[in-house]
N, C-alpha and C. Protein backbone atom coordinates (compact mmCIF):
# COMPACT_ATOMS: atom_id res chain seq x y z
N UNK A 1 -35.67 -5.95 14.93
CA UNK A 1 -35.29 -4.43 14.31
C UNK A 1 -34.64 -4.57 12.59
N UNK A 2 -34.81 -3.61 12.04
CA UNK A 2 -34.84 -3.94 10.74
C UNK A 2 -33.12 -3.37 10.56
N UNK A 3 -32.33 -3.05 9.57
CA UNK A 3 -30.67 -2.44 9.28
C UNK A 3 -31.68 -0.30 9.17
N UNK A 4 -31.87 -0.72 8.84
CA UNK A 4 -32.65 1.00 8.16
C UNK A 4 -32.49 1.32 9.94
N UNK A 5 -33.37 0.97 10.52
CA UNK A 5 -33.74 0.98 11.72
C UNK A 5 -32.31 1.59 13.01
N UNK A 6 -31.75 0.42 12.37
CA UNK A 6 -30.37 -0.12 13.70
C UNK A 6 -29.52 1.02 13.51
N UNK A 7 -29.22 1.29 11.60
CA UNK A 7 -28.83 2.39 11.39
C UNK A 7 -28.91 3.58 11.81
N UNK A 8 -30.46 3.96 11.86
CA UNK A 8 -30.95 5.80 12.21
C UNK A 8 -30.54 5.24 13.86
N UNK A 9 -30.68 4.46 14.46
CA UNK A 9 -30.16 4.69 16.33
C UNK A 9 -28.78 5.19 16.50
N UNK A 10 -28.26 5.03 15.65
CA UNK A 10 -26.45 5.81 15.45
C UNK A 10 -26.72 7.34 15.31
N UNK A 11 -27.84 7.88 14.20
CA UNK A 11 -27.86 9.00 13.64
C UNK A 11 -27.09 10.22 15.13
N UNK A 12 -27.60 9.97 15.87
CA UNK A 12 -27.35 11.02 17.26
C UNK A 12 -26.12 10.85 17.47
N UNK A 13 -26.20 10.12 17.83
CA UNK A 13 -24.51 9.69 18.06
C UNK A 13 -23.07 10.45 17.10
N UNK A 14 -23.51 9.51 15.44
CA UNK A 14 -22.40 10.50 14.58
C UNK A 14 -22.53 12.38 14.49
N UNK A 15 -24.10 12.82 14.62
CA UNK A 15 -24.12 13.99 14.79
C UNK A 15 -23.35 14.70 15.87
N UNK A 16 -23.24 13.94 17.19
CA UNK A 16 -22.81 14.24 18.17
C UNK A 16 -20.87 14.82 17.73
N UNK A 17 -20.85 13.45 17.58
CA UNK A 17 -19.56 13.24 16.87
C UNK A 17 -18.53 13.65 16.51
N UNK A 18 -19.38 13.84 14.74
CA UNK A 18 -19.19 15.26 14.34
C UNK A 18 -18.65 16.42 14.47
N UNK A 19 -19.29 16.93 15.32
CA UNK A 19 -19.25 18.03 15.83
C UNK A 19 -18.14 18.69 16.89
N UNK A 20 -18.50 17.30 17.74
CA UNK A 20 -16.87 17.31 19.13
C UNK A 20 -15.64 17.15 17.77
N UNK A 21 -15.82 16.20 16.88
CA UNK A 21 -14.76 15.68 16.08
C UNK A 21 -13.93 16.78 15.32
N UNK A 22 -15.06 18.00 14.53
CA UNK A 22 -14.85 19.37 14.43
C UNK A 22 -13.92 19.90 14.47
N UNK A 23 -14.01 19.97 16.10
CA UNK A 23 -13.85 20.52 16.96
C UNK A 23 -11.66 20.30 17.43
N UNK A 24 -11.96 19.12 16.82
CA UNK A 24 -10.47 19.06 17.18
C UNK A 24 -10.15 17.62 18.20
N UNK A 25 -11.47 17.36 19.05
CA UNK A 25 -11.42 16.36 20.15
C UNK A 25 -10.91 14.62 19.27
N UNK A 26 -9.59 14.42 19.72
CA UNK A 26 -9.32 13.33 19.31
C UNK A 26 -10.03 12.26 19.34
N UNK A 27 -10.70 11.77 20.69
CA UNK A 27 -11.94 11.26 20.74
C UNK A 27 -12.85 10.23 20.04
N UNK A 28 -13.66 11.84 19.99
CA UNK A 28 -14.64 11.95 18.98
C UNK A 28 -13.94 11.77 17.63
N UNK A 29 -13.25 11.87 17.61
CA UNK A 29 -12.66 11.57 16.25
C UNK A 29 -12.57 10.33 15.67
N UNK A 30 -11.93 9.48 16.76
CA UNK A 30 -11.76 8.34 16.76
C UNK A 30 -13.14 7.24 16.84
N UNK A 31 -13.80 7.81 17.60
CA UNK A 31 -15.24 7.51 17.42
C UNK A 31 -15.83 7.40 16.35
N UNK A 32 -15.98 8.77 15.56
CA UNK A 32 -16.46 9.01 14.02
C UNK A 32 -15.76 8.45 13.58
N UNK A 33 -14.70 7.76 12.96
CA UNK A 33 -13.50 6.68 12.42
C UNK A 33 -14.75 5.21 12.53
N UNK A 34 -14.70 4.77 14.31
CA UNK A 34 -14.86 3.91 14.30
C UNK A 34 -16.56 3.42 13.15
N UNK A 35 -17.59 4.53 13.39
CA UNK A 35 -18.75 4.69 12.89
C UNK A 35 -18.84 4.20 11.71
N UNK A 36 -18.13 4.78 11.37
CA UNK A 36 -17.73 4.70 9.21
C UNK A 36 -17.51 3.88 9.50
N UNK A 37 -15.81 2.79 9.74
CA UNK A 37 -15.72 2.01 9.50
C UNK A 37 -16.99 0.72 9.49
N UNK A 38 -17.37 0.97 10.81
CA UNK A 38 -18.67 -0.08 11.12
C UNK A 38 -19.91 0.25 10.62
N UNK A 39 -20.02 1.35 9.74
CA UNK A 39 -21.23 1.49 8.98
C UNK A 39 -22.80 1.98 9.81
N UNK A 40 -21.82 2.23 11.57
CA UNK A 40 -23.09 2.89 12.14
C UNK A 40 -23.48 4.32 12.36
N UNK A 41 -25.41 4.53 11.93
CA UNK A 41 -25.29 6.25 11.49
C UNK A 41 -25.05 6.85 10.25
N UNK A 42 -23.70 6.11 9.34
CA UNK A 42 -23.30 6.36 8.21
C UNK A 42 -22.76 4.90 6.98
N UNK A 43 -23.07 5.54 6.39
CA UNK A 43 -22.50 4.33 5.62
C UNK A 43 -21.50 4.11 5.84
N UNK A 44 -20.97 2.98 5.25
CA UNK A 44 -19.68 2.16 5.65
C UNK A 44 -18.78 3.17 4.38
N UNK A 45 -17.62 3.67 5.20
CA UNK A 45 -16.96 4.14 4.48
C UNK A 45 -15.22 4.00 4.49
N UNK A 46 -14.43 3.09 4.17
CA UNK A 46 -13.05 2.91 4.69
C UNK A 46 -12.19 3.96 4.79
N UNK A 47 -12.14 5.68 3.41
CA UNK A 47 -11.76 6.45 3.55
C UNK A 47 -11.95 7.40 4.68
N UNK A 48 -13.15 7.61 4.72
CA UNK A 48 -13.30 8.48 5.77
C UNK A 48 -13.20 7.74 7.29
N UNK A 49 -13.13 6.88 7.52
CA UNK A 49 -13.04 6.11 9.28
C UNK A 49 -11.85 6.46 9.24
N UNK A 50 -10.93 6.19 8.04
CA UNK A 50 -9.34 6.26 7.43
C UNK A 50 -8.71 7.94 8.00
N UNK A 51 -9.30 8.91 7.75
CA UNK A 51 -9.18 10.05 7.34
C UNK A 51 -9.49 10.65 8.98
N UNK A 52 -10.81 10.02 9.95
CA UNK A 52 -10.80 10.32 10.74
C UNK A 52 -10.09 9.69 12.11
N UNK A 53 -9.61 8.02 12.03
CA UNK A 53 -8.46 7.79 13.09
C UNK A 53 -7.54 8.34 12.55
N UNK A 54 -6.81 8.81 11.42
CA UNK A 54 -5.88 9.26 11.26
C UNK A 54 -5.51 11.12 12.05
N UNK A 55 -6.40 11.54 12.11
CA UNK A 55 -6.73 13.06 12.73
C UNK A 55 -6.72 12.59 14.15
N UNK A 56 -7.29 11.43 14.40
CA UNK A 56 -6.91 11.20 16.20
C UNK A 56 -5.76 10.73 16.53
N UNK A 57 -5.00 9.62 15.44
CA UNK A 57 -3.77 9.12 16.06
C UNK A 57 -3.04 10.42 15.54
N UNK A 58 -3.34 11.80 15.17
CA UNK A 58 -2.64 12.99 14.89
C UNK A 58 -2.39 13.57 16.02
N UNK A 59 -2.88 13.99 16.94
CA UNK A 59 -3.13 14.06 18.46
C UNK A 59 -2.85 13.26 19.22
N UNK A 60 -2.17 12.06 18.89
CA UNK A 60 -2.18 11.13 19.92
C UNK A 60 -2.74 10.12 20.47
N UNK A 61 -4.10 9.58 19.79
CA UNK A 61 -4.69 8.66 20.46
C UNK A 61 -4.34 7.35 20.23
N UNK A 62 -3.73 6.32 20.98
CA UNK A 62 -3.24 5.08 20.39
C UNK A 62 -4.31 4.58 20.22
N UNK A 63 -6.19 4.54 20.44
CA UNK A 63 -6.99 3.43 19.71
C UNK A 63 -6.75 3.73 18.21
N UNK A 64 -7.13 5.34 17.84
CA UNK A 64 -7.07 5.50 17.05
C UNK A 64 -5.97 5.37 15.53
N UNK A 65 -4.50 4.99 16.32
CA UNK A 65 -3.33 5.34 15.41
C UNK A 65 -3.78 3.06 15.08
N UNK A 66 -4.31 2.68 16.42
CA UNK A 66 -4.53 0.55 15.22
C UNK A 66 -5.85 0.67 15.07
N UNK A 67 -6.90 1.43 14.97
CA UNK A 67 -8.09 1.20 14.11
C UNK A 67 -7.33 1.47 12.89
N UNK A 68 -6.48 3.01 12.24
CA UNK A 68 -6.22 3.30 11.06
C UNK A 68 -5.20 1.79 10.61
N UNK A 69 -4.77 1.50 11.49
CA UNK A 69 -4.08 0.57 10.15
C UNK A 69 -4.62 -0.64 9.91
N UNK A 70 -6.28 -1.39 10.96
CA UNK A 70 -6.53 -1.49 10.99
C UNK A 70 -7.60 -1.73 9.16
N UNK A 71 -8.19 -0.31 9.49
CA UNK A 71 -8.69 -0.67 8.31
C UNK A 71 -8.12 -0.20 6.64
N UNK A 72 -6.92 0.56 7.35
CA UNK A 72 -5.94 0.64 6.11
C UNK A 72 -5.53 -0.68 5.48
N UNK A 73 -5.15 -2.00 5.65
CA UNK A 73 -5.34 -3.39 5.28
C UNK A 73 -6.10 -3.69 4.92
N UNK A 74 -8.12 -3.08 4.61
CA UNK A 74 -8.69 -3.66 4.18
C UNK A 74 -8.87 -2.41 2.74
N UNK A 75 -7.77 -1.60 2.66
CA UNK A 75 -7.89 -0.26 1.64
C UNK A 75 -6.92 -0.72 0.79
N UNK A 76 -7.05 -0.20 -0.66
CA UNK A 76 -6.24 0.16 -1.81
C UNK A 76 -5.27 1.49 -1.13
N UNK A 77 -4.49 1.52 -2.13
CA UNK A 77 -3.11 2.51 -2.29
C UNK A 77 -3.70 4.09 -2.43
N UNK A 78 -4.63 4.15 -3.41
CA UNK A 78 -5.77 5.04 -4.06
C UNK A 78 -6.49 4.88 -2.80
N UNK A 79 -6.98 4.71 -1.79
CA UNK A 79 -8.37 5.17 -1.20
C UNK A 79 -6.91 5.52 0.17
N UNK A 80 -6.48 5.11 0.43
CA UNK A 80 -5.37 5.17 1.51
C UNK A 80 -4.89 7.06 1.36
N UNK A 81 -4.15 7.13 0.52
CA UNK A 81 -3.25 8.05 -0.51
C UNK A 81 -5.16 9.35 -0.63
N UNK A 82 -6.15 9.19 -0.97
CA UNK A 82 -7.40 9.83 -0.39
C UNK A 82 -7.86 10.28 0.89
N UNK A 83 -7.28 9.59 1.57
CA UNK A 83 -8.18 9.30 3.16
C UNK A 83 -7.49 10.82 3.97
N UNK A 84 -5.70 10.68 3.49
CA UNK A 84 -4.89 11.25 3.94
C UNK A 84 -5.23 12.58 3.28
N UNK A 85 -5.21 13.19 1.98
CA UNK A 85 -5.41 13.92 1.43
C UNK A 85 -6.48 14.68 1.77
N UNK A 86 -7.51 13.90 2.35
CA UNK A 86 -9.15 14.28 2.86
C UNK A 86 -8.33 15.10 4.33
N UNK A 87 -8.12 14.05 5.30
CA UNK A 87 -7.05 14.74 6.38
C UNK A 87 -6.37 15.84 6.31
N UNK A 88 -5.72 16.25 5.68
CA UNK A 88 -4.99 17.26 5.00
C UNK A 88 -5.47 18.15 5.42
N UNK A 89 -6.82 18.19 4.22
CA UNK A 89 -7.74 19.59 3.73
C UNK A 89 -7.98 19.66 5.58
N UNK A 90 -8.85 18.55 6.08
CA UNK A 90 -9.29 19.38 7.11
C UNK A 90 -8.32 19.59 7.87
N UNK A 91 -7.31 19.46 7.75
CA UNK A 91 -6.28 20.10 8.97
C UNK A 91 -6.08 21.46 8.63
N UNK A 92 -5.96 22.13 7.31
CA UNK A 92 -6.05 23.69 6.81
C UNK A 92 -6.97 24.42 7.35
N UNK A 93 -8.13 23.61 7.82
CA UNK A 93 -9.44 24.21 8.16
C UNK A 93 -9.14 25.68 9.33
């Protein structure tokens, strides 16, 4: 299986997780964060991963807290600040 085919296999999951995450479901926010952290169905993006983990963590999802901290260890302070800004913007919607 090629990498692009493998990535395409996750596209339906990303779509469903995004719909549920946008409705505020912390488990979906955590799972969407995992998709971004691992580059599954989307390009790997630690800023987006941190954003979604942070949103899930705010709702009390313990796994999101752990994974937010893990991904933060791979990010620059500027990237963390951007992820936090994006989470704040999302909350205001």
